[in-house]
Amino acid sequence: MDLSSGGVASMVFKPVIRGEFGQLSLDGQMLSVLMSLDGRKTLGQVAQNVGISLADIRPVITKLINLRLVESIERAVSIVDQEFMDFLIAKMSIAIGPLGEIIVEDGLEELGFNKNNFPSLRAAEIVNFLSQEIQREDKRIEFQQAMLRKIKEKGY
């Protein structure tokens, strides 16, 4: 896991209990961080509790990962529902015609998803991505506005 770039503040880790530890050497800071990890607190919260900066926690977590003492917890990701996906396809079909569903499926695939696993946090991203396929400006604006209303309605 590469922690050298990007935000680590929202990442969550938990300690890993393994039988084959052998001899480990942990400094006080590493031990404090390890003891603060509970699988619920973000690294931002852990850094604050331990009294170190996010810049300082990054190498500590990297060492703990390399020692196989911690592992990342994937946060539960909300997926868009079928009604949203049907609405997206319908609005895209109105904007560009009968190929709307294929364009939506291709767009989802290009972003690494499909109709059954698209994260709700990225709903605006797919709308923006798909709107680039709409040639007529009036249709593009109409599509974007309808989808923005739906995103707000759904709370995505």
N, C-alpha and C. Protein backbone atom coordinates (compact mmCIF):
# COMPACT_ATOMS: atom_id res chain seq x y z
N MET A 1 0.85 -1.18 0.00
CA MET A 1 0.00 0.00 0.00
C MET A 1 0.89 1.23 0.00
N ASP A 2 0.66 2.10 -0.96
CA ASP A 2 1.48 3.30 -1.09
C ASP A 2 0.81 4.47 -0.37
N LEU A 3 1.44 4.93 0.68
CA LEU A 3 0.92 6.07 1.44
C LEU A 3 1.71 7.33 1.16
N SER A 4 2.58 7.30 0.16
CA SER A 4 3.46 8.43 -0.09
C SER A 4 2.74 9.65 -0.64
N SER A 5 1.59 9.43 -1.27
CA SER A 5 0.84 10.57 -1.80
C SER A 5 -0.62 10.43 -1.43
N GLY A 6 -1.35 11.51 -1.54
CA GLY A 6 -2.77 11.48 -1.25
C GLY A 6 -3.05 11.67 0.23
N GLY A 7 -4.32 11.87 0.53
CA GLY A 7 -4.73 12.11 1.90
C GLY A 7 -4.84 10.82 2.69
N VAL A 8 -4.25 10.79 3.84
CA VAL A 8 -4.34 9.62 4.70
C VAL A 8 -5.27 9.88 5.88
N ALA A 9 -5.71 11.10 6.04
CA ALA A 9 -6.49 11.48 7.23
C ALA A 9 -7.75 10.65 7.39
N SER A 10 -8.38 10.26 6.28
CA SER A 10 -9.64 9.53 6.39
C SER A 10 -9.47 8.02 6.35
N MET A 11 -8.23 7.54 6.22
CA MET A 11 -7.99 6.09 6.19
C MET A 11 -8.17 5.51 7.57
N VAL A 12 -8.61 4.24 7.61
CA VAL A 12 -8.84 3.55 8.87
C VAL A 12 -8.05 2.25 8.86
N PHE A 13 -7.37 1.96 9.97
CA PHE A 13 -6.59 0.74 10.10
C PHE A 13 -6.97 0.02 11.38
N LYS A 14 -6.69 -1.27 11.40
CA LYS A 14 -6.89 -2.05 12.61
C LYS A 14 -5.64 -2.88 12.86
N PRO A 15 -5.37 -3.21 14.11
CA PRO A 15 -4.21 -4.06 14.40
C PRO A 15 -4.49 -5.48 13.91
N VAL A 16 -3.44 -6.18 13.57
CA VAL A 16 -3.55 -7.57 13.12
C VAL A 16 -2.87 -8.43 14.16
N ILE A 17 -3.55 -9.45 14.60
CA ILE A 17 -2.99 -10.38 15.57
C ILE A 17 -2.52 -11.62 14.82
N ARG A 18 -1.23 -11.84 14.84
CA ARG A 18 -0.65 -13.01 14.20
C ARG A 18 0.22 -13.72 15.22
N GLY A 19 0.38 -15.01 15.07
CA GLY A 19 1.17 -15.79 16.03
C GLY A 19 2.66 -15.70 15.82
N GLU A 20 3.13 -15.41 14.61
CA GLU A 20 4.55 -15.50 14.30
C GLU A 20 5.23 -14.13 14.27
N PHE A 21 5.26 -13.45 15.39
CA PHE A 21 5.86 -12.12 15.41
C PHE A 21 7.38 -12.14 15.49
N GLY A 22 7.95 -13.11 16.15
CA GLY A 22 9.40 -13.09 16.33
C GLY A 22 9.77 -11.92 17.20
N GLN A 23 10.93 -11.34 16.93
CA GLN A 23 11.36 -10.19 17.69
C GLN A 23 11.05 -8.93 16.91
N LEU A 24 10.33 -8.04 17.56
CA LEU A 24 9.97 -6.76 16.96
C LEU A 24 10.55 -5.64 17.80
N SER A 25 10.93 -4.59 17.11
CA SER A 25 11.41 -3.42 17.81
C SER A 25 10.54 -2.23 17.39
N LEU A 26 9.76 -1.75 18.32
CA LEU A 26 8.88 -0.61 18.07
C LEU A 26 9.30 0.55 18.95
N ASP A 27 9.40 1.73 18.34
CA ASP A 27 9.70 2.90 19.17
C ASP A 27 8.40 3.36 19.83
N GLY A 28 8.51 4.33 20.70
CA GLY A 28 7.35 4.80 21.47
C GLY A 28 6.23 5.33 20.59
N GLN A 29 6.61 6.05 19.55
CA GLN A 29 5.61 6.63 18.65
C GLN A 29 4.84 5.52 17.91
N MET A 30 5.58 4.53 17.42
CA MET A 30 4.93 3.42 16.71
C MET A 30 4.00 2.66 17.65
N LEU A 31 4.43 2.44 18.86
CA LEU A 31 3.61 1.73 19.83
C LEU A 31 2.36 2.52 20.18
N SER A 32 2.50 3.84 20.34
CA SER A 32 1.34 4.69 20.64
C SER A 32 0.32 4.65 19.51
N VAL A 33 0.81 4.74 18.26
CA VAL A 33 -0.09 4.68 17.11
C VAL A 33 -0.76 3.32 17.05
N LEU A 34 0.01 2.25 17.17
CA LEU A 34 -0.54 0.89 17.12
C LEU A 34 -1.62 0.69 18.18
N MET A 35 -1.39 1.19 19.38
CA MET A 35 -2.37 1.03 20.46
C MET A 35 -3.62 1.87 20.22
N SER A 36 -3.51 2.93 19.43
CA SER A 36 -4.66 3.80 19.16
C SER A 36 -5.53 3.31 18.01
N LEU A 37 -5.00 2.43 17.18
CA LEU A 37 -5.76 1.93 16.04
C LEU A 37 -6.80 0.92 16.53
N ASP A 38 -8.05 1.15 16.15
CA ASP A 38 -9.12 0.27 16.61
C ASP A 38 -10.05 -0.18 15.49
N GLY A 39 -9.75 0.19 14.27
CA GLY A 39 -10.62 -0.18 13.15
C GLY A 39 -11.79 0.75 12.96
N ARG A 40 -11.90 1.79 13.79
CA ARG A 40 -12.99 2.75 13.67
C ARG A 40 -12.49 4.18 13.50
N LYS A 41 -11.42 4.52 14.20
CA LYS A 41 -10.88 5.88 14.13
C LYS A 41 -10.09 6.07 12.84
N THR A 42 -10.23 7.25 12.25
CA THR A 42 -9.43 7.59 11.07
C THR A 42 -8.00 7.91 11.51
N LEU A 43 -7.09 7.90 10.57
CA LEU A 43 -5.71 8.27 10.91
C LEU A 43 -5.62 9.70 11.39
N GLY A 44 -6.50 10.56 10.90
CA GLY A 44 -6.54 11.93 11.38
C GLY A 44 -6.87 11.98 12.87
N GLN A 45 -7.84 11.16 13.28
CA GLN A 45 -8.21 11.11 14.70
C GLN A 45 -7.09 10.49 15.53
N VAL A 46 -6.47 9.44 14.99
CA VAL A 46 -5.38 8.78 15.72
C VAL A 46 -4.21 9.76 15.90
N ALA A 47 -3.87 10.48 14.84
CA ALA A 47 -2.76 11.45 14.92
C ALA A 47 -3.05 12.49 15.99
N GLN A 48 -4.30 12.96 16.01
CA GLN A 48 -4.68 13.96 17.01
C GLN A 48 -4.60 13.37 18.43
N ASN A 49 -5.09 12.15 18.60
CA ASN A 49 -5.05 11.50 19.93
C ASN A 49 -3.62 11.28 20.41
N VAL A 50 -2.75 10.89 19.49
CA VAL A 50 -1.37 10.59 19.85
C VAL A 50 -0.53 11.87 19.95
N GLY A 51 -0.99 12.94 19.29
CA GLY A 51 -0.28 14.21 19.35
C GLY A 51 0.81 14.34 18.31
N ILE A 52 0.59 13.75 17.12
CA ILE A 52 1.55 13.91 16.04
C ILE A 52 0.83 14.41 14.79
N SER A 53 1.60 14.89 13.84
CA SER A 53 1.01 15.41 12.61
C SER A 53 0.72 14.28 11.63
N LEU A 54 -0.11 14.57 10.63
CA LEU A 54 -0.38 13.59 9.59
C LEU A 54 0.89 13.25 8.83
N ALA A 55 1.76 14.23 8.64
CA ALA A 55 3.04 13.98 7.96
C ALA A 55 3.88 12.99 8.75
N ASP A 56 3.81 13.06 10.08
CA ASP A 56 4.59 12.15 10.93
C ASP A 56 3.95 10.77 11.05
N ILE A 57 2.62 10.70 10.92
CA ILE A 57 1.97 9.40 11.07
C ILE A 57 2.15 8.54 9.81
N ARG A 58 2.35 9.18 8.68
CA ARG A 58 2.49 8.46 7.41
C ARG A 58 3.63 7.42 7.46
N PRO A 59 4.87 7.79 7.84
CA PRO A 59 5.93 6.77 7.89
C PRO A 59 5.71 5.73 8.99
N VAL A 60 5.06 6.12 10.06
CA VAL A 60 4.77 5.16 11.14
C VAL A 60 3.82 4.09 10.63
N ILE A 61 2.74 4.50 9.96
CA ILE A 61 1.78 3.53 9.42
C ILE A 61 2.45 2.65 8.37
N THR A 62 3.29 3.26 7.55
CA THR A 62 4.00 2.48 6.52
C THR A 62 4.84 1.39 7.17
N LYS A 63 5.56 1.72 8.24
CA LYS A 63 6.37 0.72 8.94
C LYS A 63 5.48 -0.37 9.56
N LEU A 64 4.37 0.04 10.15
CA LEU A 64 3.46 -0.95 10.76
C LEU A 64 2.86 -1.88 9.70
N ILE A 65 2.58 -1.34 8.53
CA ILE A 65 2.08 -2.17 7.43
C ILE A 65 3.16 -3.16 6.99
N ASN A 66 4.38 -2.65 6.82
CA ASN A 66 5.48 -3.51 6.39
C ASN A 66 5.79 -4.61 7.40
N LEU A 67 5.58 -4.32 8.67
CA LEU A 67 5.77 -5.33 9.71
C LEU A 67 4.55 -6.27 9.84
N ARG A 68 3.54 -5.97 9.04
CA ARG A 68 2.28 -6.74 9.02
C ARG A 68 1.60 -6.73 10.39
N LEU A 69 1.65 -5.56 11.03
CA LEU A 69 0.99 -5.39 12.33
C LEU A 69 -0.37 -4.71 12.20
N VAL A 70 -0.62 -4.07 11.04
CA VAL A 70 -1.90 -3.40 10.82
C VAL A 70 -2.36 -3.69 9.39
N GLU A 71 -3.66 -3.53 9.21
CA GLU A 71 -4.22 -3.62 7.86
C GLU A 71 -5.31 -2.57 7.71
N SER A 72 -5.50 -2.17 6.47
CA SER A 72 -6.48 -1.13 6.15
C SER A 72 -7.89 -1.70 6.24
N ILE A 73 -8.79 -0.86 6.70
CA ILE A 73 -10.21 -1.19 6.73
C ILE A 73 -10.86 -0.42 5.59
N GLU A 74 -11.53 -1.12 4.72
CA GLU A 74 -12.26 -0.44 3.65
C GLU A 74 -13.57 0.06 4.23
N ARG A 75 -13.82 1.32 4.03
CA ARG A 75 -15.07 1.91 4.49
C ARG A 75 -16.22 1.42 3.63
N ALA A 76 -17.36 1.23 4.24
CA ALA A 76 -18.54 0.82 3.48
C ALA A 76 -18.88 1.92 2.48
N VAL A 77 -19.09 1.50 1.25
CA VAL A 77 -19.37 2.45 0.18
C VAL A 77 -20.81 2.29 -0.25
N SER A 78 -21.53 3.38 -0.25
CA SER A 78 -22.92 3.39 -0.70
C SER A 78 -22.95 3.31 -2.22
N ILE A 79 -23.81 2.45 -2.73
CA ILE A 79 -23.95 2.24 -4.17
C ILE A 79 -25.24 2.91 -4.64
N VAL A 80 -25.21 3.50 -5.86
CA VAL A 80 -26.43 4.11 -6.38
C VAL A 80 -27.48 3.02 -6.57
N ASP A 81 -28.73 3.37 -6.36
CA ASP A 81 -29.79 2.37 -6.48
C ASP A 81 -30.25 2.22 -7.93
N GLN A 82 -31.08 1.20 -8.17
CA GLN A 82 -31.54 0.90 -9.53
C GLN A 82 -32.38 2.04 -10.10
N GLU A 83 -33.15 2.71 -9.26
CA GLU A 83 -33.96 3.82 -9.75
C GLU A 83 -33.08 4.93 -10.30
N PHE A 84 -31.98 5.25 -9.60
CA PHE A 84 -31.06 6.27 -10.09
C PHE A 84 -30.46 5.85 -11.42
N MET A 85 -30.03 4.59 -11.52
CA MET A 85 -29.41 4.11 -12.74
C MET A 85 -30.41 4.14 -13.90
N ASP A 86 -31.65 3.73 -13.65
CA ASP A 86 -32.70 3.78 -14.69
C ASP A 86 -32.94 5.22 -15.13
N PHE A 87 -32.97 6.14 -14.19
CA PHE A 87 -33.18 7.56 -14.49
C PHE A 87 -32.01 8.09 -15.34
N LEU A 88 -30.79 7.73 -14.97
CA LEU A 88 -29.60 8.15 -15.71
C LEU A 88 -29.67 7.67 -17.16
N ILE A 89 -30.02 6.41 -17.33
CA ILE A 89 -30.12 5.84 -18.68
C ILE A 89 -31.24 6.53 -19.47
N ALA A 90 -32.37 6.74 -18.83
CA ALA A 90 -33.50 7.39 -19.50
C ALA A 90 -33.14 8.80 -19.94
N LYS A 91 -32.51 9.57 -19.07
CA LYS A 91 -32.14 10.94 -19.41
C LYS A 91 -31.06 10.97 -20.49
N MET A 92 -30.14 10.03 -20.45
CA MET A 92 -29.11 9.96 -21.47
C MET A 92 -29.73 9.59 -22.82
N SER A 93 -30.69 8.69 -22.81
CA SER A 93 -31.37 8.28 -24.04
C SER A 93 -32.17 9.44 -24.64
N ILE A 94 -32.78 10.25 -23.79
CA ILE A 94 -33.49 11.44 -24.27
C ILE A 94 -32.51 12.41 -24.92
N ALA A 95 -31.33 12.54 -24.32
CA ALA A 95 -30.35 13.51 -24.80
C ALA A 95 -29.67 13.08 -26.09
N ILE A 96 -29.39 11.77 -26.25
CA ILE A 96 -28.62 11.37 -27.44
C ILE A 96 -29.31 10.31 -28.30
N GLY A 97 -30.41 9.78 -27.82
CA GLY A 97 -31.11 8.79 -28.63
C GLY A 97 -30.96 7.37 -28.11
N PRO A 98 -31.28 6.40 -28.96
CA PRO A 98 -31.36 5.00 -28.52
C PRO A 98 -30.04 4.40 -28.04
N LEU A 99 -28.93 5.03 -28.29
CA LEU A 99 -27.64 4.52 -27.81
C LEU A 99 -27.33 4.96 -26.38
N GLY A 100 -28.26 5.64 -25.73
CA GLY A 100 -28.05 6.17 -24.38
C GLY A 100 -27.59 5.11 -23.39
N GLU A 101 -28.25 3.97 -23.40
CA GLU A 101 -27.90 2.91 -22.44
C GLU A 101 -26.48 2.39 -22.69
N ILE A 102 -26.12 2.23 -23.94
CA ILE A 102 -24.78 1.74 -24.27
C ILE A 102 -23.73 2.77 -23.85
N ILE A 103 -24.00 4.04 -24.07
CA ILE A 103 -23.07 5.10 -23.68
C ILE A 103 -22.89 5.10 -22.16
N VAL A 104 -23.99 4.93 -21.43
CA VAL A 104 -23.92 4.88 -19.96
C VAL A 104 -23.08 3.69 -19.53
N GLU A 105 -23.36 2.51 -20.08
CA GLU A 105 -22.60 1.31 -19.71
C GLU A 105 -21.12 1.46 -20.02
N ASP A 106 -20.81 2.04 -21.20
CA ASP A 106 -19.41 2.26 -21.56
C ASP A 106 -18.74 3.26 -20.61
N GLY A 107 -19.47 4.32 -20.25
CA GLY A 107 -18.92 5.31 -19.32
C GLY A 107 -18.64 4.72 -17.95
N LEU A 108 -19.57 3.91 -17.47
CA LEU A 108 -19.37 3.24 -16.18
C LEU A 108 -18.15 2.33 -16.24
N GLU A 109 -18.05 1.58 -17.33
CA GLU A 109 -16.92 0.66 -17.49
C GLU A 109 -15.59 1.42 -17.56
N GLU A 110 -15.60 2.53 -18.26
CA GLU A 110 -14.37 3.33 -18.37
C GLU A 110 -13.91 3.83 -17.01
N LEU A 111 -14.86 4.06 -16.10
CA LEU A 111 -14.52 4.49 -14.74
C LEU A 111 -14.25 3.30 -13.82
N GLY A 112 -14.38 2.07 -14.37
CA GLY A 112 -14.07 0.87 -13.58
C GLY A 112 -15.25 0.29 -12.82
N PHE A 113 -16.47 0.57 -13.26
CA PHE A 113 -17.66 0.10 -12.55
C PHE A 113 -18.67 -0.47 -13.53
N ASN A 114 -19.82 -0.87 -13.01
CA ASN A 114 -20.95 -1.26 -13.84
C ASN A 114 -22.23 -0.75 -13.19
N LYS A 115 -23.38 -1.10 -13.77
CA LYS A 115 -24.66 -0.57 -13.26
C LYS A 115 -24.97 -1.04 -11.85
N ASN A 116 -24.34 -2.10 -11.39
CA ASN A 116 -24.67 -2.68 -10.10
C ASN A 116 -23.72 -2.30 -8.97
N ASN A 117 -22.63 -1.59 -9.30
CA ASN A 117 -21.67 -1.29 -8.23
C ASN A 117 -21.11 0.13 -8.26
N PHE A 118 -21.86 1.07 -8.84
CA PHE A 118 -21.34 2.43 -8.94
C PHE A 118 -21.52 3.17 -7.62
N PRO A 119 -20.43 3.70 -7.04
CA PRO A 119 -20.53 4.39 -5.73
C PRO A 119 -21.30 5.71 -5.83
N SER A 120 -22.18 5.92 -4.87
CA SER A 120 -23.00 7.13 -4.88
C SER A 120 -22.16 8.40 -4.74
N LEU A 121 -21.01 8.31 -4.08
CA LEU A 121 -20.15 9.48 -3.93
C LEU A 121 -19.60 9.97 -5.26
N ARG A 122 -19.68 9.13 -6.30
CA ARG A 122 -19.16 9.51 -7.60
C ARG A 122 -20.27 9.79 -8.61
N ALA A 123 -21.50 9.97 -8.13
CA ALA A 123 -22.64 10.22 -9.02
C ALA A 123 -22.43 11.46 -9.88
N ALA A 124 -21.96 12.53 -9.29
CA ALA A 124 -21.72 13.76 -10.06
C ALA A 124 -20.63 13.54 -11.10
N GLU A 125 -19.66 12.71 -10.78
CA GLU A 125 -18.58 12.44 -11.72
C GLU A 125 -19.09 11.73 -12.97
N ILE A 126 -19.97 10.73 -12.81
CA ILE A 126 -20.49 10.03 -13.98
C ILE A 126 -21.37 10.95 -14.82
N VAL A 127 -22.12 11.83 -14.17
CA VAL A 127 -22.96 12.79 -14.91
C VAL A 127 -22.07 13.71 -15.74
N ASN A 128 -21.02 14.23 -15.14
CA ASN A 128 -20.09 15.10 -15.86
C ASN A 128 -19.41 14.35 -17.01
N PHE A 129 -19.00 13.13 -16.74
CA PHE A 129 -18.33 12.30 -17.74
C PHE A 129 -19.25 12.03 -18.93
N LEU A 130 -20.49 11.64 -18.64
CA LEU A 130 -21.44 11.32 -19.71
C LEU A 130 -21.89 12.56 -20.47
N SER A 131 -21.98 13.68 -19.80
CA SER A 131 -22.45 14.89 -20.47
C SER A 131 -21.50 15.32 -21.59
N GLN A 132 -20.26 14.91 -21.52
CA GLN A 132 -19.30 15.23 -22.57
C GLN A 132 -19.65 14.53 -23.89
N GLU A 133 -20.49 13.49 -23.81
CA GLU A 133 -20.91 12.76 -25.00
C GLU A 133 -22.10 13.42 -25.70
N ILE A 134 -22.71 14.39 -25.06
CA ILE A 134 -23.90 15.05 -25.62
C ILE A 134 -23.45 16.25 -26.43
N GLN A 135 -23.68 16.20 -27.73
CA GLN A 135 -23.19 17.24 -28.64
C GLN A 135 -23.98 18.54 -28.54
N ARG A 136 -25.29 18.42 -28.48
CA ARG A 136 -26.12 19.64 -28.43
C ARG A 136 -26.08 20.25 -27.05
N GLU A 137 -25.72 21.53 -26.98
CA GLU A 137 -25.57 22.21 -25.70
C GLU A 137 -26.87 22.24 -24.91
N ASP A 138 -28.00 22.50 -25.57
CA ASP A 138 -29.27 22.56 -24.84
C ASP A 138 -29.62 21.21 -24.23
N LYS A 139 -29.36 20.13 -24.95
CA LYS A 139 -29.62 18.79 -24.41
C LYS A 139 -28.66 18.45 -23.27
N ARG A 140 -27.40 18.88 -23.41
CA ARG A 140 -26.41 18.64 -22.36
C ARG A 140 -26.81 19.34 -21.08
N ILE A 141 -27.22 20.60 -21.18
CA ILE A 141 -27.63 21.37 -20.00
C ILE A 141 -28.87 20.76 -19.36
N GLU A 142 -29.82 20.36 -20.19
CA GLU A 142 -31.04 19.73 -19.68
C GLU A 142 -30.71 18.43 -18.94
N PHE A 143 -29.81 17.63 -19.49
CA PHE A 143 -29.37 16.38 -18.87
C PHE A 143 -28.70 16.67 -17.52
N GLN A 144 -27.76 17.62 -17.52
CA GLN A 144 -27.04 17.94 -16.29
C GLN A 144 -27.97 18.45 -15.20
N GLN A 145 -28.91 19.30 -15.57
CA GLN A 145 -29.83 19.85 -14.57
C GLN A 145 -30.74 18.76 -13.99
N ALA A 146 -31.27 17.90 -14.86
CA ALA A 146 -32.14 16.82 -14.39
C ALA A 146 -31.37 15.88 -13.46
N MET A 147 -30.13 15.57 -13.83
CA MET A 147 -29.33 14.66 -13.01
C MET A 147 -28.92 15.31 -11.70
N LEU A 148 -28.64 16.60 -11.72
CA LEU A 148 -28.30 17.31 -10.48
C LEU A 148 -29.47 17.28 -9.51
N ARG A 149 -30.69 17.50 -10.03
CA ARG A 149 -31.88 17.41 -9.17
C ARG A 149 -32.02 16.01 -8.58
N LYS A 150 -31.77 14.98 -9.40
CA LYS A 150 -31.88 13.59 -8.93
C LYS A 150 -30.84 13.28 -7.87
N ILE A 151 -29.61 13.76 -8.09
CA ILE A 151 -28.54 13.55 -7.10
C ILE A 151 -28.91 14.19 -5.77
N LYS A 152 -29.44 15.40 -5.82
CA LYS A 152 -29.88 16.09 -4.59
C LYS A 152 -31.02 15.34 -3.93
N GLU A 153 -31.98 14.89 -4.74
CA GLU A 153 -33.14 14.15 -4.23
C GLU A 153 -32.69 12.87 -3.51
N LYS A 154 -31.72 12.19 -4.07
CA LYS A 154 -31.23 10.93 -3.51
C LYS A 154 -30.25 11.14 -2.35
N GLY A 155 -29.73 12.36 -2.24
CA GLY A 155 -28.77 12.61 -1.18
C GLY A 155 -27.39 12.09 -1.48
N TYR A 156 -27.08 11.94 -2.76
CA TYR A 156 -25.76 11.45 -3.16
C TYR A 156 -24.82 12.62 -3.20
